[in-house]
Amino acid sequence: MIARIRGKVWEAYPNRLILDVQGVGYEIQVPLSTFDRLHPSEGITVELRTYLHIREAAHTLYGFATEEERDVFLLLIDRVSGIGPATAMSVLSGMPVSRFKEAVVNADVAELSRIKGLGKKTAERIVLELKDKVGVTETWESAAGGGISNIAADAELALIALGYKQVEARKAVKKVLESESNASVEELIRGALRLMS
């Protein structure tokens, strides 16, 4: 699995980048949110969090500017039936992650339906299935209400996306934070995984 990639931009289009990584050109599909955040132009160095999607006919690399974007992408493709990478990318391109989380927490199907390529039924399924997945909306609500920090929430969501229960994930993240209060999201996830293994 390719988890991160850093390289110079060879070509930049709103939905994909071609990065030069030591002479090898990687084509990476990116949502508009990532493209807008990075403002990539030829020759600049960028770093992306990535997800490699393998199908019989193709290997596609998806790239994201933030852990939060990648976590939402993984939640959508892993936890919502009928949603594949293309639809998940449309969601990330259609609205900021914070607004998406708010729409799910508030069951705002109309807001989600405004995303290009997302019909009312798919929007309803996203709300229903993400609300039903233990911990996802709880974590988002808790972060929004100041119950936990955004860094802790991001680490918790990454662990939920990996299949851990919300209660286990929160306990592990809290324990890591007790010993490493200034830990980054990645350090929290690694520490929590060590505790839970």
C-alpha atoms as a PDB file:
ATOM      1  CA  MET A   1       0.000   0.000   0.000  1.00  0.00           C
ATOM      2  CA  ILE A   2       1.235   3.475  -0.845  1.00  0.00           C
ATOM      3  CA  ALA A   3       0.281   5.658   2.152  1.00  0.00           C
ATOM      4  CA  ARG A   4       2.127   8.904   1.345  1.00  0.00           C
ATOM      5  CA  ILE A   5       3.907  10.366  -1.608  1.00  0.00           C
ATOM      6  CA  ARG A   6       6.125  13.426  -2.014  1.00  0.00           C
ATOM      7  CA  GLY A   7       7.329  14.709  -5.342  1.00  0.00           C
ATOM      8  CA  LYS A   8       7.589  17.562  -7.823  1.00  0.00           C
ATOM      9  CA  VAL A   9       4.547  18.435  -9.893  1.00  0.00           C
ATOM     10  CA  TRP A  10       5.051  17.570 -13.559  1.00  0.00           C
ATOM     11  CA  GLU A  11       1.451  18.242 -14.592  1.00  0.00           C
ATOM     12  CA  ALA A  12      -1.499  19.673 -12.653  1.00  0.00           C
ATOM     13  CA  TYR A  13      -5.178  19.402 -13.547  1.00  0.00           C
ATOM     14  CA  PRO A  14      -8.129  20.123 -11.210  1.00  0.00           C
ATOM     15  CA  ASN A  15      -8.842  16.422 -10.674  1.00  0.00           C
ATOM     16  CA  ARG A  16      -5.379  14.855 -11.052  1.00  0.00           C
ATOM     17  CA  LEU A  17      -1.688  15.487 -10.594  1.00  0.00           C
ATOM     18  CA  ILE A  18       1.350  13.838 -12.099  1.00  0.00           C
ATOM     19  CA  LEU A  19       4.195  13.828  -9.590  1.00  0.00           C
ATOM     20  CA  ASP A  20       7.849  13.167 -10.337  1.00  0.00           C
ATOM     21  CA  VAL A  21       9.164  10.915  -7.578  1.00  0.00           C
ATOM     22  CA  GLN A  22      12.841  10.278  -8.356  1.00  0.00           C
ATOM     23  CA  GLY A  23      12.216  10.034 -12.086  1.00  0.00           C
ATOM     24  CA  VAL A  24       8.971   8.038 -11.914  1.00  0.00           C
ATOM     25  CA  GLY A  25       5.755   9.877 -12.831  1.00  0.00           C
ATOM     26  CA  TYR A  26       2.822   8.939 -10.584  1.00  0.00           C
ATOM     27  CA  GLU A  27      -0.671   9.888 -11.742  1.00  0.00           C
ATOM     28  CA  ILE A  28      -2.774  10.720  -8.681  1.00  0.00           C
ATOM     29  CA  GLN A  29      -6.507  11.464  -8.641  1.00  0.00           C
ATOM     30  CA  VAL A  30      -7.243  14.363  -6.270  1.00  0.00           C
ATOM     31  CA  PRO A  31     -10.479  16.031  -5.111  1.00  0.00           C
ATOM     32  CA  LEU A  32     -10.975  19.730  -5.852  1.00  0.00           C
ATOM     33  CA  SER A  33     -10.545  20.482  -2.140  1.00  0.00           C
ATOM     34  CA  THR A  34      -6.964  19.147  -2.280  1.00  0.00           C
ATOM     35  CA  PHE A  35      -6.220  20.940  -5.558  1.00  0.00           C
ATOM     36  CA  ASP A  36      -7.512  24.245  -4.126  1.00  0.00           C
ATOM     37  CA  ARG A  37      -5.540  23.835  -0.890  1.00  0.00           C
ATOM     38  CA  LEU A  38      -2.229  23.018  -2.628  1.00  0.00           C
ATOM     39  CA  HIS A  39      -2.463  25.363  -5.641  1.00  0.00           C
ATOM     40  CA  PRO A  40      -0.074  23.011  -7.451  1.00  0.00           C
ATOM     41  CA  SER A  41       1.970  24.390 -10.295  1.00  0.00           C
ATOM     42  CA  GLU A  42       4.712  22.795 -12.340  1.00  0.00           C
ATOM     43  CA  GLY A  43       7.965  22.288 -10.440  1.00  0.00           C
ATOM     44  CA  ILE A  44       6.729  22.736  -6.852  1.00  0.00           C
ATOM     45  CA  THR A  45       7.094  19.892  -4.344  1.00  0.00           C
ATOM     46  CA  VAL A  46       3.918  18.554  -2.741  1.00  0.00           C
ATOM     47  CA  GLU A  47       3.187  15.816  -0.228  1.00  0.00           C
ATOM     48  CA  LEU A  48      -0.047  13.836  -0.310  1.00  0.00           C
ATOM     49  CA  ARG A  49      -1.674  11.211   1.880  1.00  0.00           C
ATOM     50  CA  THR A  50      -2.704   8.473  -0.522  1.00  0.00           C
ATOM     51  CA  TYR A  51      -4.930   5.468  -0.999  1.00  0.00           C
ATOM     52  CA  LEU A  52      -4.194   2.842  -3.665  1.00  0.00           C
ATOM     53  CA  HIS A  53      -7.401   1.316  -5.072  1.00  0.00           C
ATOM     54  CA  ILE A  54      -6.782  -1.997  -6.834  1.00  0.00           C
ATOM     55  CA  ARG A  55      -9.263  -3.453  -9.296  1.00  0.00           C
ATOM     56  CA  GLU A  56      -8.805  -6.198 -11.830  1.00  0.00           C
ATOM     57  CA  ALA A  57      -8.530  -3.705 -14.686  1.00  0.00           C
ATOM     58  CA  ALA A  58      -6.718  -0.816 -12.976  1.00  0.00           C
ATOM     59  CA  HIS A  59      -4.625   0.398 -10.062  1.00  0.00           C
ATOM     60  CA  THR A  60      -5.667   3.956  -9.165  1.00  0.00           C
ATOM     61  CA  LEU A  61      -3.845   6.191  -6.710  1.00  0.00           C
ATOM     62  CA  TYR A  62      -5.959   8.780  -4.853  1.00  0.00           C
ATOM     63  CA  GLY A  63      -4.282  11.691  -3.085  1.00  0.00           C
ATOM     64  CA  PHE A  64      -5.393  14.043  -0.317  1.00  0.00           C
ATOM     65  CA  ALA A  65      -3.926  17.182   1.246  1.00  0.00           C
ATOM     66  CA  THR A  66      -5.091  16.237   4.765  1.00  0.00           C
ATOM     67  CA  GLU A  67      -5.692  13.165   6.924  1.00  0.00           C
ATOM     68  CA  GLU A  68      -9.257  14.368   7.424  1.00  0.00           C
ATOM     69  CA  GLU A  69      -9.987  14.207   3.678  1.00  0.00           C
ATOM     70  CA  ARG A  70      -8.506  10.724   3.409  1.00  0.00           C
ATOM     71  CA  ASP A  71     -10.457   9.521   6.475  1.00  0.00           C
ATOM     72  CA  VAL A  72     -13.779  10.717   5.026  1.00  0.00           C
ATOM     73  CA  PHE A  73     -12.896   9.099   1.684  1.00  0.00           C
ATOM     74  CA  LEU A  74     -12.155   5.775   3.447  1.00  0.00           C
ATOM     75  CA  LEU A  75     -15.330   5.963   5.549  1.00  0.00           C
ATOM     76  CA  LEU A  76     -17.397   6.498   2.414  1.00  0.00           C
ATOM     77  CA  ILE A  77     -15.913   3.654   0.374  1.00  0.00           C
ATOM     78  CA  ASP A  78     -15.605   1.191   3.294  1.00  0.00           C
ATOM     79  CA  ARG A  79     -18.756   1.925   5.290  1.00  0.00           C
ATOM     80  CA  VAL A  80     -21.423   3.087   2.818  1.00  0.00           C
ATOM     81  CA  SER A  81     -22.754   0.405   0.488  1.00  0.00           C
ATOM     82  CA  GLY A  82     -22.810   1.325  -3.181  1.00  0.00           C
ATOM     83  CA  ILE A  83     -20.234   4.120  -2.879  1.00  0.00           C
ATOM     84  CA  GLY A  84     -16.980   3.668  -4.700  1.00  0.00           C
ATOM     85  CA  PRO A  85     -13.923   5.882  -5.045  1.00  0.00           C
ATOM     86  CA  ALA A  86     -15.408   8.019  -7.852  1.00  0.00           C
ATOM     87  CA  THR A  87     -18.475   8.975  -5.783  1.00  0.00           C
ATOM     88  CA  ALA A  88     -16.336   9.559  -2.680  1.00  0.00           C
ATOM     89  CA  MET A  89     -14.144  11.927  -4.722  1.00  0.00           C
ATOM     90  CA  SER A  90     -17.285  13.755  -5.917  1.00  0.00           C
ATOM     91  CA  VAL A  91     -18.325  14.236  -2.281  1.00  0.00           C
ATOM     92  CA  LEU A  92     -14.914  15.687  -1.352  1.00  0.00           C
ATOM     93  CA  SER A  93     -14.946  17.886  -4.458  1.00  0.00           C
ATOM     94  CA  GLY A  94     -18.523  19.000  -3.789  1.00  0.00           C
ATOM     95  CA  MET A  95     -18.185  20.430  -0.286  1.00  0.00           C
ATOM     96  CA  PRO A  96     -15.617  21.031   2.467  1.00  0.00           C
ATOM     97  CA  VAL A  97     -15.102  18.142   4.898  1.00  0.00           C
ATOM     98  CA  SER A  98     -16.420  20.198   7.830  1.00  0.00           C
ATOM     99  CA  ARG A  99     -19.670  20.917   5.968  1.00  0.00           C
ATOM    100  CA  PHE A 100     -20.013  17.262   4.974  1.00  0.00           C
ATOM    101  CA  LYS A 101     -19.633  16.170   8.612  1.00  0.00           C
ATOM    102  CA  GLU A 102     -22.188  18.771   9.683  1.00  0.00           C
ATOM    103  CA  ALA A 103     -24.655  17.556   7.027  1.00  0.00           C
ATOM    104  CA  VAL A 104     -24.286  13.933   8.189  1.00  0.00           C
ATOM    105  CA  VAL A 105     -24.612  14.809  11.885  1.00  0.00           C
ATOM    106  CA  ASN A 106     -27.719  16.935  11.154  1.00  0.00           C
ATOM    107  CA  ALA A 107     -29.141  14.376   8.660  1.00  0.00           C
ATOM    108  CA  ASP A 108     -29.270  17.163   6.045  1.00  0.00           C
ATOM    109  CA  VAL A 109     -30.076  15.075   2.964  1.00  0.00           C
ATOM    110  CA  ALA A 110     -30.974  18.177   0.910  1.00  0.00           C
ATOM    111  CA  GLU A 111     -27.486  19.651   1.455  1.00  0.00           C
ATOM    112  CA  LEU A 112     -25.779  16.378   0.479  1.00  0.00           C
ATOM    113  CA  SER A 113     -28.037  16.000  -2.581  1.00  0.00           C
ATOM    114  CA  ARG A 114     -26.610  19.251  -3.989  1.00  0.00           C
ATOM    115  CA  ILE A 115     -23.296  17.509  -4.638  1.00  0.00           C
ATOM    116  CA  LYS A 116     -22.904  16.780  -8.344  1.00  0.00           C
ATOM    117  CA  GLY A 117     -23.521  13.086  -9.050  1.00  0.00           C
ATOM    118  CA  LEU A 118     -25.144  12.421  -5.669  1.00  0.00           C
ATOM    119  CA  GLY A 119     -28.872  11.725  -5.799  1.00  0.00           C
ATOM    120  CA  LYS A 120     -31.332  11.907  -2.932  1.00  0.00           C
ATOM    121  CA  LYS A 121     -31.265   8.127  -2.350  1.00  0.00           C
ATOM    122  CA  THR A 122     -27.463   8.029  -2.136  1.00  0.00           C
ATOM    123  CA  ALA A 123     -27.464  11.043   0.205  1.00  0.00           C
ATOM    124  CA  GLU A 124     -30.019   9.279   2.431  1.00  0.00           C
ATOM    125  CA  ARG A 125     -27.878   6.138   2.434  1.00  0.00           C
ATOM    126  CA  ILE A 126     -24.775   8.142   3.442  1.00  0.00           C
ATOM    127  CA  VAL A 127     -26.629   9.706   6.381  1.00  0.00           C
ATOM    128  CA  LEU A 128     -28.238   6.426   7.427  1.00  0.00           C
ATOM    129  CA  GLU A 129     -25.129   4.264   7.169  1.00  0.00           C
ATOM    130  CA  LEU A 130     -22.661   6.733   8.667  1.00  0.00           C
ATOM    131  CA  LYS A 131     -25.045   7.579  11.513  1.00  0.00           C
ATOM    132  CA  ASP A 132     -25.475   3.846  12.156  1.00  0.00           C
ATOM    133  CA  LYS A 133     -21.747   3.165  12.215  1.00  0.00           C
ATOM    134  CA  VAL A 134     -20.899   3.291  15.876  1.00  0.00           C
ATOM    135  CA  GLY A 135     -18.828   6.300  16.734  1.00  0.00           C
ATOM    136  CA  VAL A 136     -18.550   8.235  13.480  1.00  0.00           C
ATOM    137  CA  THR A 137     -21.168  10.893  14.145  1.00  0.00           C
ATOM    138  CA  GLU A 138     -20.495  10.759  17.901  1.00  0.00           C
ATOM    139  CA  THR A 139     -16.867  11.648  17.236  1.00  0.00           C
ATOM    140  CA  TRP A 140     -17.827  14.460  14.836  1.00  0.00           C
ATOM    141  CA  GLU A 141     -20.368  15.848  17.342  1.00  0.00           C
ATOM    142  CA  SER A 142     -17.863  15.587  20.184  1.00  0.00           C
ATOM    143  CA  ALA A 143     -15.184  17.441  18.193  1.00  0.00           C
ATOM    144  CA  ALA A 144     -17.665  20.135  17.138  1.00  0.00           C
ATOM    145  CA  GLY A 145     -18.852  20.604  20.720  1.00  0.00           C
ATOM    146  CA  GLY A 146     -15.314  20.824  22.108  1.00  0.00           C
ATOM    147  CA  GLY A 147     -15.536  17.423  23.839  1.00  0.00           C
ATOM    148  CA  ILE A 148     -12.313  16.247  22.189  1.00  0.00           C
ATOM    149  CA  SER A 149      -9.652  18.015  20.154  1.00  0.00           C
ATOM    150  CA  ASN A 150      -9.697  17.882  16.351  1.00  0.00           C
ATOM    151  CA  ILE A 151      -6.408  15.958  16.397  1.00  0.00           C
ATOM    152  CA  ALA A 152      -7.872  13.331  18.750  1.00  0.00           C
ATOM    153  CA  ALA A 153     -11.066  13.206  16.651  1.00  0.00           C
ATOM    154  CA  ASP A 154      -9.071  12.681  13.432  1.00  0.00           C
ATOM    155  CA  ALA A 155      -7.067   9.866  15.045  1.00  0.00           C
ATOM    156  CA  GLU A 156     -10.256   8.295  16.392  1.00  0.00           C
ATOM    157  CA  LEU A 157     -11.928   8.428  12.965  1.00  0.00           C
ATOM    158  CA  ALA A 158      -8.891   6.889  11.291  1.00  0.00           C
ATOM    159  CA  LEU A 159      -9.082   3.988  13.760  1.00  0.00           C
ATOM    160  CA  ILE A 160     -12.845   3.624  13.158  1.00  0.00           C
ATOM    161  CA  ALA A 161     -12.141   3.578   9.400  1.00  0.00           C
ATOM    162  CA  LEU A 162      -9.683   0.736  10.081  1.00  0.00           C
ATOM    163  CA  GLY A 163     -12.505  -1.237  11.708  1.00  0.00           C
ATOM    164  CA  TYR A 164     -11.976  -0.576  15.426  1.00  0.00           C
ATOM    165  CA  LYS A 165     -14.944   0.189  17.665  1.00  0.00           C
ATOM    166  CA  GLN A 166     -15.361   3.827  18.686  1.00  0.00           C
ATOM    167  CA  VAL A 167     -15.124   3.044  22.401  1.00  0.00           C
ATOM    168  CA  GLU A 168     -11.814   1.153  21.964  1.00  0.00           C
ATOM    169  CA  ALA A 169     -10.435   3.865  19.660  1.00  0.00           C
ATOM    170  CA  ARG A 170     -11.312   6.699  22.067  1.00  0.00           C
ATOM    171  CA  LYS A 171      -9.780   4.861  25.064  1.00  0.00           C
ATOM    172  CA  ALA A 172      -6.551   4.149  23.197  1.00  0.00           C
ATOM    173  CA  VAL A 173      -6.247   7.720  21.844  1.00  0.00           C
ATOM    174  CA  LYS A 174      -6.915   9.142  25.335  1.00  0.00           C
ATOM    175  CA  LYS A 175      -4.244   6.884  26.836  1.00  0.00           C
ATOM    176  CA  VAL A 176      -1.666   7.972  24.240  1.00  0.00           C
ATOM    177  CA  LEU A 177      -2.574  11.648  24.851  1.00  0.00           C
ATOM    178  CA  GLU A 178      -1.933  11.212  28.584  1.00  0.00           C
ATOM    179  CA  SER A 179       1.713  10.374  27.929  1.00  0.00           C
ATOM    180  CA  GLU A 180       2.208  12.463  24.752  1.00  0.00           C
ATOM    181  CA  SER A 181       0.014  15.567  25.007  1.00  0.00           C
ATOM    182  CA  ASN A 182       1.551  17.235  21.918  1.00  0.00           C
ATOM    183  CA  ALA A 183       1.320  14.173  19.652  1.00  0.00           C
ATOM    184  CA  SER A 184       0.390  14.604  15.988  1.00  0.00           C
ATOM    185  CA  VAL A 185      -2.489  12.664  14.400  1.00  0.00           C
ATOM    186  CA  GLU A 186      -0.045  10.109  12.965  1.00  0.00           C
ATOM    187  CA  GLU A 187       1.668   9.623  16.354  1.00  0.00           C
ATOM    188  CA  LEU A 188      -1.711   9.185  18.059  1.00  0.00           C
ATOM    189  CA  ILE A 189      -2.771   6.554  15.516  1.00  0.00           C
ATOM    190  CA  ARG A 190       0.531   4.647  15.794  1.00  0.00           C
ATOM    191  CA  GLY A 191       0.428   4.758  19.602  1.00  0.00           C
ATOM    192  CA  ALA A 192      -3.212   3.662  19.719  1.00  0.00           C
ATOM    193  CA  LEU A 193      -2.556   0.784  17.312  1.00  0.00           C
ATOM    194  CA  ARG A 194       0.324  -0.390  19.511  1.00  0.00           C
ATOM    195  CA  LEU A 195      -1.960  -0.343  22.559  1.00  0.00           C
ATOM    196  CA  MET A 196      -4.756  -2.221  20.806  1.00  0.00           C
ATOM    197  CA  SER A 197      -2.604  -4.901  19.192  1.00  0.00           C
END
